[in-house]
């Protein structure tokens, strides 16, 4: 084993370490983006669910009011 072998081995090891570090940084950034997007999606879905619930309540109130009106006046809707 001569000096050039160890020199090349250390160079390859250094390149491997750099690639591993780049992979860790990429993974960390992607994970942070995914968590942020998941949190935003949860807020959006909660807003949609609340709107749906409110709309359902208003629709049922309108049906109830219509039925009560037709029941008290004797008219069919």
PDB file of N, CA and C in Angstrom:
ATOM      1  N   UNK A   1       0.836  -1.169   0.000  1.00  0.00           N
ATOM      2  CA  UNK A   1       0.000   0.000   0.000  1.00  0.00           C
ATOM      3  C   UNK A   1       0.889   1.244   0.000  1.00  0.00           C
ATOM      4  N   UNK A   2       0.653   2.030  -0.956  1.00  0.00           N
ATOM      5  CA  UNK A   2       1.479   3.229  -1.059  1.00  0.00           C
ATOM      6  C   UNK A   2       0.676   4.476  -0.684  1.00  0.00           C
ATOM      7  N   UNK A   3       1.325   5.609  -0.734  1.00  0.00           N
ATOM      8  CA  UNK A   3       0.700   6.864  -0.324  1.00  0.00           C
ATOM      9  C   UNK A   3      -0.467   7.254  -1.228  1.00  0.00           C
ATOM     10  N   UNK A   4      -0.373   6.976  -2.490  1.00  0.00           N
ATOM     11  CA  UNK A   4      -1.445   7.383  -3.405  1.00  0.00           C
ATOM     12  C   UNK A   4      -2.736   6.629  -3.102  1.00  0.00           C
ATOM     13  N   UNK A   5      -2.618   5.380  -2.675  1.00  0.00           N
ATOM     14  CA  UNK A   5      -3.826   4.632  -2.317  1.00  0.00           C
ATOM     15  C   UNK A   5      -4.567   5.309  -1.180  1.00  0.00           C
ATOM     16  N   UNK A   6      -3.819   5.644  -0.119  1.00  0.00           N
ATOM     17  CA  UNK A   6      -4.462   6.281   1.041  1.00  0.00           C
ATOM     18  C   UNK A   6      -4.969   7.675   0.699  1.00  0.00           C
ATOM     19  N   UNK A   7      -4.251   8.364  -0.153  1.00  0.00           N
ATOM     20  CA  UNK A   7      -4.677   9.696  -0.579  1.00  0.00           C
ATOM     21  C   UNK A   7      -6.007   9.597  -1.327  1.00  0.00           C
ATOM     22  N   UNK A   8      -6.120   8.660  -2.245  1.00  0.00           N
ATOM     23  CA  UNK A   8      -7.358   8.459  -3.004  1.00  0.00           C
ATOM     24  C   UNK A   8      -8.491   7.954  -2.101  1.00  0.00           C
ATOM     25  N   UNK A   9      -8.136   7.075  -1.159  1.00  0.00           N
ATOM     26  CA  UNK A   9      -9.147   6.557  -0.244  1.00  0.00           C
ATOM     27  C   UNK A   9      -9.733   7.679   0.603  1.00  0.00           C
ATOM     28  N   UNK A  10      -8.881   8.555   1.120  1.00  0.00           N
ATOM     29  CA  UNK A  10      -9.363   9.687   1.917  1.00  0.00           C
ATOM     30  C   UNK A  10     -10.176  10.663   1.073  1.00  0.00           C
ATOM     31  N   UNK A  11      -9.778  10.849  -0.172  1.00  0.00           N
ATOM     32  CA  UNK A  11     -10.534  11.735  -1.062  1.00  0.00           C
ATOM     33  C   UNK A  11     -11.944  11.171  -1.290  1.00  0.00           C
ATOM     34  N   UNK A  12     -12.031   9.881  -1.564  1.00  0.00           N
ATOM     35  CA  UNK A  12     -13.332   9.244  -1.772  1.00  0.00           C
ATOM     36  C   UNK A  12     -14.174   9.288  -0.498  1.00  0.00           C
ATOM     37  N   UNK A  13     -13.527   9.075   0.643  1.00  0.00           N
ATOM     38  CA  UNK A  13     -14.234   9.154   1.915  1.00  0.00           C
ATOM     39  C   UNK A  13     -14.785  10.563   2.131  1.00  0.00           C
ATOM     40  N   UNK A  14     -13.990  11.580   1.827  1.00  0.00           N
ATOM     41  CA  UNK A  14     -14.422  12.980   1.954  1.00  0.00           C
ATOM     42  C   UNK A  14     -15.605  13.278   1.055  1.00  0.00           C
ATOM     43  N   UNK A  15     -15.579  12.771  -0.172  1.00  0.00           N
ATOM     44  CA  UNK A  15     -16.696  12.968  -1.093  1.00  0.00           C
ATOM     45  C   UNK A  15     -17.946  12.284  -0.557  1.00  0.00           C
ATOM     46  N   UNK A  16     -17.785  11.093  -0.004  1.00  0.00           N
ATOM     47  CA  UNK A  16     -18.919  10.378   0.593  1.00  0.00           C
ATOM     48  C   UNK A  16     -19.520  11.142   1.760  1.00  0.00           C
ATOM     49  N   UNK A  17     -18.670  11.721   2.596  1.00  0.00           N
ATOM     50  CA  UNK A  17     -19.147  12.509   3.736  1.00  0.00           C
ATOM     51  C   UNK A  17     -19.911  13.729   3.245  1.00  0.00           C
ATOM     52  N   UNK A  18     -19.411  14.392   2.224  1.00  0.00           N
ATOM     53  CA  UNK A  18     -20.093  15.574   1.673  1.00  0.00           C
ATOM     54  C   UNK A  18     -21.464  15.180   1.127  1.00  0.00           C
ATOM     55  N   UNK A  19     -21.542  14.089   0.387  1.00  0.00           N
ATOM     56  CA  UNK A  19     -22.832  13.646  -0.138  1.00  0.00           C
ATOM     57  C   UNK A  19     -23.794  13.265   0.981  1.00  0.00           C
ATOM     58  N   UNK A  20     -23.281  12.619   2.022  1.00  0.00           N
ATOM     59  CA  UNK A  20     -24.131  12.256   3.156  1.00  0.00           C
ATOM     60  C   UNK A  20     -24.664  13.512   3.841  1.00  0.00           C
ATOM     61  N   UNK A  21     -23.825  14.511   4.008  1.00  0.00           N
ATOM     62  CA  UNK A  21     -24.248  15.777   4.614  1.00  0.00           C
ATOM     63  C   UNK A  21     -25.302  16.464   3.749  1.00  0.00           C
ATOM     64  N   UNK A  22     -25.109  16.471   2.443  1.00  0.00           N
ATOM     65  CA  UNK A  22     -26.098  17.063   1.534  1.00  0.00           C
ATOM     66  C   UNK A  22     -27.436  16.326   1.634  1.00  0.00           C
ATOM     67  N   UNK A  23     -27.391  15.010   1.739  1.00  0.00           N
ATOM     68  CA  UNK A  23     -28.608  14.214   1.864  1.00  0.00           C
ATOM     69  C   UNK A  23     -29.343  14.535   3.167  1.00  0.00           C
ATOM     70  N   UNK A  24     -28.602  14.683   4.257  1.00  0.00           N
ATOM     71  CA  UNK A  24     -29.221  15.022   5.538  1.00  0.00           C
ATOM     72  C   UNK A  24     -29.877  16.398   5.478  1.00  0.00           C
ATOM     73  N   UNK A  25     -29.213  17.352   4.886  1.00  0.00           N
ATOM     74  CA  UNK A  25     -29.785  18.700   4.757  1.00  0.00           C
ATOM     75  C   UNK A  25     -31.037  18.660   3.890  1.00  0.00           C
ATOM     76  N   UNK A  26     -30.983  17.951   2.780  1.00  0.00           N
ATOM     77  CA  UNK A  26     -32.151  17.839   1.904  1.00  0.00           C
ATOM     78  C   UNK A  26     -33.312  17.186   2.636  1.00  0.00           C
ATOM     79  N   UNK A  27     -33.050  16.096   3.329  1.00  0.00           N
ATOM     80  CA  UNK A  27     -34.103  15.383   4.058  1.00  0.00           C
ATOM     81  C   UNK A  27     -34.722  16.276   5.126  1.00  0.00           C
ATOM     82  N   UNK A  28     -33.907  17.012   5.859  1.00  0.00           N
ATOM     83  CA  UNK A  28     -34.396  17.902   6.908  1.00  0.00           C
ATOM     84  C   UNK A  28     -35.295  18.986   6.319  1.00  0.00           C
ATOM     85  N   UNK A  29     -34.872  19.581   5.221  1.00  0.00           N
ATOM     86  CA  UNK A  29     -35.682  20.630   4.585  1.00  0.00           C
ATOM     87  C   UNK A  29     -36.999  20.073   4.059  1.00  0.00           C
ATOM     88  N   UNK A  30     -36.959  18.913   3.422  1.00  0.00           N
ATOM     89  CA  UNK A  30     -38.188  18.310   2.902  1.00  0.00           C
ATOM     90  C   UNK A  30     -39.136  17.932   4.034  1.00  0.00           C
ATOM     91  N   UNK A  31     -38.608  17.432   5.117  1.00  0.00           N
ATOM     92  CA  UNK A  31     -39.430  17.066   6.256  1.00  0.00           C
ATOM     93  C   UNK A  31     -40.107  18.301   6.853  1.00  0.00           C
ATOM     94  N   UNK A  32     -39.383  19.395   6.951  1.00  0.00           N
ATOM     95  CA  UNK A  32     -39.953  20.645   7.471  1.00  0.00           C
ATOM     96  C   UNK A  32     -41.067  21.149   6.547  1.00  0.00           C
ATOM     97  N   UNK A  33     -40.834  21.068   5.235  1.00  0.00           N
ATOM     98  CA  UNK A  33     -41.878  21.481   4.276  1.00  0.00           C
ATOM     99  C   UNK A  33     -43.114  20.606   4.422  1.00  0.00           C
ATOM    100  N   UNK A  34     -42.918  19.302   4.560  1.00  0.00           N
ATOM    101  CA  UNK A  34     -44.053  18.385   4.667  1.00  0.00           C
ATOM    102  C   UNK A  34     -44.864  18.687   5.921  1.00  0.00           C
ATOM    103  N   UNK A  35     -44.183  18.928   7.041  1.00  0.00           N
ATOM    104  CA  UNK A  35     -44.894  19.229   8.287  1.00  0.00           C
ATOM    105  C   UNK A  35     -45.664  20.534   8.177  1.00  0.00           C
ATOM    106  N   UNK A  36     -45.078  21.536   7.532  1.00  0.00           N
ATOM    107  CA  UNK A  36     -45.763  22.820   7.350  1.00  0.00           C
ATOM    108  C   UNK A  36     -46.990  22.638   6.461  1.00  0.00           C
ATOM    109  N   UNK A  37     -46.849  21.892   5.374  1.00  0.00           N
ATOM    110  CA  UNK A  37     -47.983  21.651   4.482  1.00  0.00           C
ATOM    111  C   UNK A  37     -49.078  20.851   5.178  1.00  0.00           C
ATOM    112  N   UNK A  38     -48.697  19.880   5.997  1.00  0.00           N
ATOM    113  CA  UNK A  38     -49.683  19.083   6.724  1.00  0.00           C
ATOM    114  C   UNK A  38     -50.460  19.962   7.705  1.00  0.00           C
ATOM    115  N   UNK A  39     -49.775  20.861   8.373  1.00  0.00           N
ATOM    116  CA  UNK A  39     -50.449  21.770   9.307  1.00  0.00           C
ATOM    117  C   UNK A  39     -51.406  22.693   8.558  1.00  0.00           C
ATOM    118  N   UNK A  40     -50.977  23.207   7.407  1.00  0.00           N
ATOM    119  CA  UNK A  40     -51.851  24.071   6.605  1.00  0.00           C
ATOM    120  C   UNK A  40     -53.060  23.304   6.096  1.00  0.00           C
ATOM    121  N   UNK A  41     -52.857  22.055   5.671  1.00  0.00           N
ATOM    122  CA  UNK A  41     -53.977  21.238   5.207  1.00  0.00           C
ATOM    123  C   UNK A  41     -54.979  20.978   6.321  1.00  0.00           C
ATOM    124  N   UNK A  42     -54.482  20.739   7.514  1.00  0.00           N
ATOM    125  CA  UNK A  42     -55.377  20.489   8.644  1.00  0.00           C
ATOM    126  C   UNK A  42     -56.237  21.715   8.924  1.00  0.00           C
ATOM    127  N   UNK A  43     -55.643  22.896   8.901  1.00  0.00           N
ATOM    128  CA  UNK A  43     -56.399  24.135   9.130  1.00  0.00           C
ATOM    129  C   UNK A  43     -57.450  24.306   8.036  1.00  0.00           C
ATOM    130  N   UNK A  44     -57.070  24.040   6.789  1.00  0.00           N
ATOM    131  CA  UNK A  44     -58.011  24.179   5.671  1.00  0.00           C
ATOM    132  C   UNK A  44     -59.180  23.216   5.809  1.00  0.00           C
ATOM    133  N   UNK A  45     -58.888  21.951   6.136  1.00  0.00           N
ATOM    134  CA  UNK A  45     -59.952  20.959   6.258  1.00  0.00           C
ATOM    135  C   UNK A  45     -60.870  21.269   7.440  1.00  0.00           C
ATOM    136  N   UNK A  46     -60.312  21.789   8.519  1.00  0.00           N
ATOM    137  CA  UNK A  46     -61.150  22.171   9.658  1.00  0.00           C
ATOM    138  C   UNK A  46     -62.094  23.305   9.273  1.00  0.00           C
ATOM    139  N   UNK A  47     -61.613  24.256   8.480  1.00  0.00           N
ATOM    140  CA  UNK A  47     -62.458  25.359   8.022  1.00  0.00           C
ATOM    141  C   UNK A  47     -63.563  24.836   7.105  1.00  0.00           C
ATOM    142  N   UNK A  48     -63.234  23.916   6.217  1.00  0.00           N
ATOM    143  CA  UNK A  48     -64.245  23.343   5.316  1.00  0.00           C
ATOM    144  C   UNK A  48     -65.289  22.574   6.111  1.00  0.00           C
ATOM    145  N   UNK A  49     -64.852  21.802   7.086  1.00  0.00           N
ATOM    146  CA  UNK A  49     -65.781  21.042   7.912  1.00  0.00           C
ATOM    147  C   UNK A  49     -66.704  21.966   8.703  1.00  0.00           C
ATOM    148  N   UNK A  50     -66.166  23.056   9.241  1.00  0.00           N
ATOM    149  CA  UNK A  50     -66.989  24.010   9.985  1.00  0.00           C
ATOM    150  C   UNK A  50     -68.006  24.659   9.055  1.00  0.00           C
ATOM    151  N   UNK A  51     -67.579  25.042   7.858  1.00  0.00           N
ATOM    152  CA  UNK A  51     -68.503  25.654   6.906  1.00  0.00           C
ATOM    153  C   UNK A  51     -69.600  24.660   6.528  1.00  0.00           C
ATOM    154  N   UNK A  52     -69.240  23.411   6.294  1.00  0.00           N
ATOM    155  CA  UNK A  52     -70.222  22.388   5.951  1.00  0.00           C
ATOM    156  C   UNK A  52     -71.218  22.212   7.091  1.00  0.00           C
ATOM    157  N   UNK A  53     -70.708  22.157   8.309  1.00  0.00           N
ATOM    158  CA  UNK A  53     -71.575  21.998   9.479  1.00  0.00           C
ATOM    159  C   UNK A  53     -72.528  23.182   9.622  1.00  0.00           C
ATOM    160  N   UNK A  54     -72.001  24.389   9.448  1.00  0.00           N
ATOM    161  CA  UNK A  54     -72.845  25.585   9.544  1.00  0.00           C
ATOM    162  C   UNK A  54     -73.903  25.605   8.444  1.00  0.00           C
ATOM    163  N   UNK A  55     -73.516  25.223   7.236  1.00  0.00           N
ATOM    164  CA  UNK A  55     -74.471  25.190   6.120  1.00  0.00           C
ATOM    165  C   UNK A  55     -75.559  24.144   6.363  1.00  0.00           C
ATOM    166  N   UNK A  56     -75.172  22.998   6.893  1.00  0.00           N
ATOM    167  CA  UNK A  56     -76.156  21.963   7.210  1.00  0.00           C
ATOM    168  C   UNK A  56     -77.143  22.475   8.261  1.00  0.00           C
ATOM    169  N   UNK A  57     -76.637  23.166   9.267  1.00  0.00           N
ATOM    170  CA  UNK A  57     -77.496  23.705  10.321  1.00  0.00           C
ATOM    171  C   UNK A  57     -78.468  24.721   9.740  1.00  0.00           C
ATOM    172  N   UNK A  58     -77.987  25.620   8.887  1.00  0.00           N
ATOM    173  CA  UNK A  58     -78.868  26.620   8.272  1.00  0.00           C
ATOM    174  C   UNK A  58     -79.924  25.957   7.395  1.00  0.00           C
ATOM    175  N   UNK A  59     -79.531  24.925   6.658  1.00  0.00           N
ATOM    176  CA  UNK A  59     -80.480  24.222   5.791  1.00  0.00           C
ATOM    177  C   UNK A  59     -81.565  23.546   6.627  1.00  0.00           C
ATOM    178  N   UNK A  60     -81.158  22.900   7.712  1.00  0.00           N
ATOM    179  CA  UNK A  60     -82.146  22.251   8.576  1.00  0.00           C
ATOM    180  C   UNK A  60     -83.062  23.274   9.244  1.00  0.00           C
ATOM    181  N   UNK A  61     -82.520  24.414   9.636  1.00  0.00           N
ATOM    182  CA  UNK A  61     -83.349  25.478  10.219  1.00  0.00           C
ATOM    183  C   UNK A  61     -84.355  25.996   9.204  1.00  0.00           C
ATOM    184  N   UNK A  62     -83.941  26.139   7.946  1.00  0.00           N
ATOM    185  CA  UNK A  62     -84.852  26.609   6.904  1.00  0.00           C
ATOM    186  C   UNK A  62     -85.954  25.586   6.657  1.00  0.00           C
ATOM    187  N   UNK A  63     -85.606  24.312   6.632  1.00  0.00           N
ATOM    188  CA  UNK A  63     -86.619  23.265   6.442  1.00  0.00           C
ATOM    189  C   UNK A  63     -87.581  23.253   7.619  1.00  0.00           C
ATOM    190  N   UNK A  64     -87.037  23.362   8.810  1.00  0.00           N
ATOM    191  CA  UNK A  64     -87.870  23.373  10.009  1.00  0.00           C
ATOM    192  C   UNK A  64     -88.830  24.571   9.985  1.00  0.00           C
ATOM    193  N   UNK A  65     -88.317  25.754   9.613  1.00  0.00           N
ATOM    194  CA  UNK A  65     -89.154  26.954   9.554  1.00  0.00           C
ATOM    195  C   UNK A  65     -90.244  26.793   8.499  1.00  0.00           C
ATOM    196  N   UNK A  66     -89.894  26.209   7.378  1.00  0.00           N
ATOM    197  CA  UNK A  66     -90.871  26.003   6.303  1.00  0.00           C
ATOM    198  C   UNK A  66     -91.959  25.029   6.762  1.00  0.00           C
ATOM    199  N   UNK A  67     -91.549  23.957   7.413  1.00  0.00           N
ATOM    200  CA  UNK A  67     -92.522  22.965   7.877  1.00  0.00           C
ATOM    201  C   UNK A  67     -93.418  23.542   8.965  1.00  0.00           C
ATOM    202  N   UNK A  68     -92.845  24.330   9.856  1.00  0.00           N
ATOM    203  CA  UNK A  68     -93.646  24.942  10.917  1.00  0.00           C
ATOM    204  C   UNK A  68     -94.644  25.920  10.327  1.00  0.00           C
ATOM    205  N   UNK A  69     -94.209  26.678   9.319  1.00  0.00           N
ATOM    206  CA  UNK A  69     -95.098  27.652   8.679  1.00  0.00           C
ATOM    207  C   UNK A  69     -96.241  26.934   7.974  1.00  0.00           C
ATOM    208  N   UNK A  70     -95.927  25.876   7.258  1.00  0.00           N
ATOM    209  CA  UNK A  70     -96.983  25.164   6.543  1.00  0.00           C
ATOM    210  C   UNK A  70     -97.899  24.434   7.525  1.00  0.00           C
ATOM    211  N   UNK A  71     -97.385  24.009   8.644  1.00  0.00           N
ATOM    212  CA  UNK A  71     -98.194  23.318   9.652  1.00  0.00           C
ATOM    213  C   UNK A  71     -99.159  24.289  10.335  1.00  0.00           C
ATOM    214  N   UNK A  72     -98.687  25.512  10.621  1.00  0.00           N
ATOM    215  CA  UNK A  72     -99.550  26.482  11.308  1.00  0.00           C
ATOM    216  C   UNK A  72    -100.549  27.112  10.364  1.00  0.00           C
ATOM    217  N   UNK A  73    -100.221  27.271   9.108  1.00  0.00           N
ATOM    218  CA  UNK A  73    -101.152  27.903   8.159  1.00  0.00           C
ATOM    219  C   UNK A  73    -101.990  26.876   7.411  1.00  0.00           C
ATOM    220  N   UNK A  74    -101.580  25.623   7.438  1.00  0.00           N
ATOM    221  CA  UNK A  74    -102.311  24.587   6.739  1.00  0.00           C
ATOM    222  C   UNK A  74    -102.009  24.514   5.257  1.00  0.00           C
ATOM    223  N   UNK A  75    -101.011  25.288   4.808  1.00  0.00           N
ATOM    224  CA  UNK A  75    -100.636  25.266   3.386  1.00  0.00           C
ATOM    225  C   UNK A  75     -99.529  24.264   3.159  1.00  0.00           C
ATOM    226  N   UNK A  76     -99.515  23.719   1.956  1.00  0.00           N
ATOM    227  CA  UNK A  76     -98.433  22.833   1.553  1.00  0.00           C
ATOM    228  C   UNK A  76     -97.301  23.687   0.991  1.00  0.00           C
ATOM    229  N   UNK A  77     -96.091  23.322   1.276  1.00  0.00           N
ATOM    230  CA  UNK A  77     -94.979  24.117   0.749  1.00  0.00           C
ATOM    231  C   UNK A  77     -94.837  23.985  -0.756  1.00  0.00           C
TER     232      UNK A  77
END
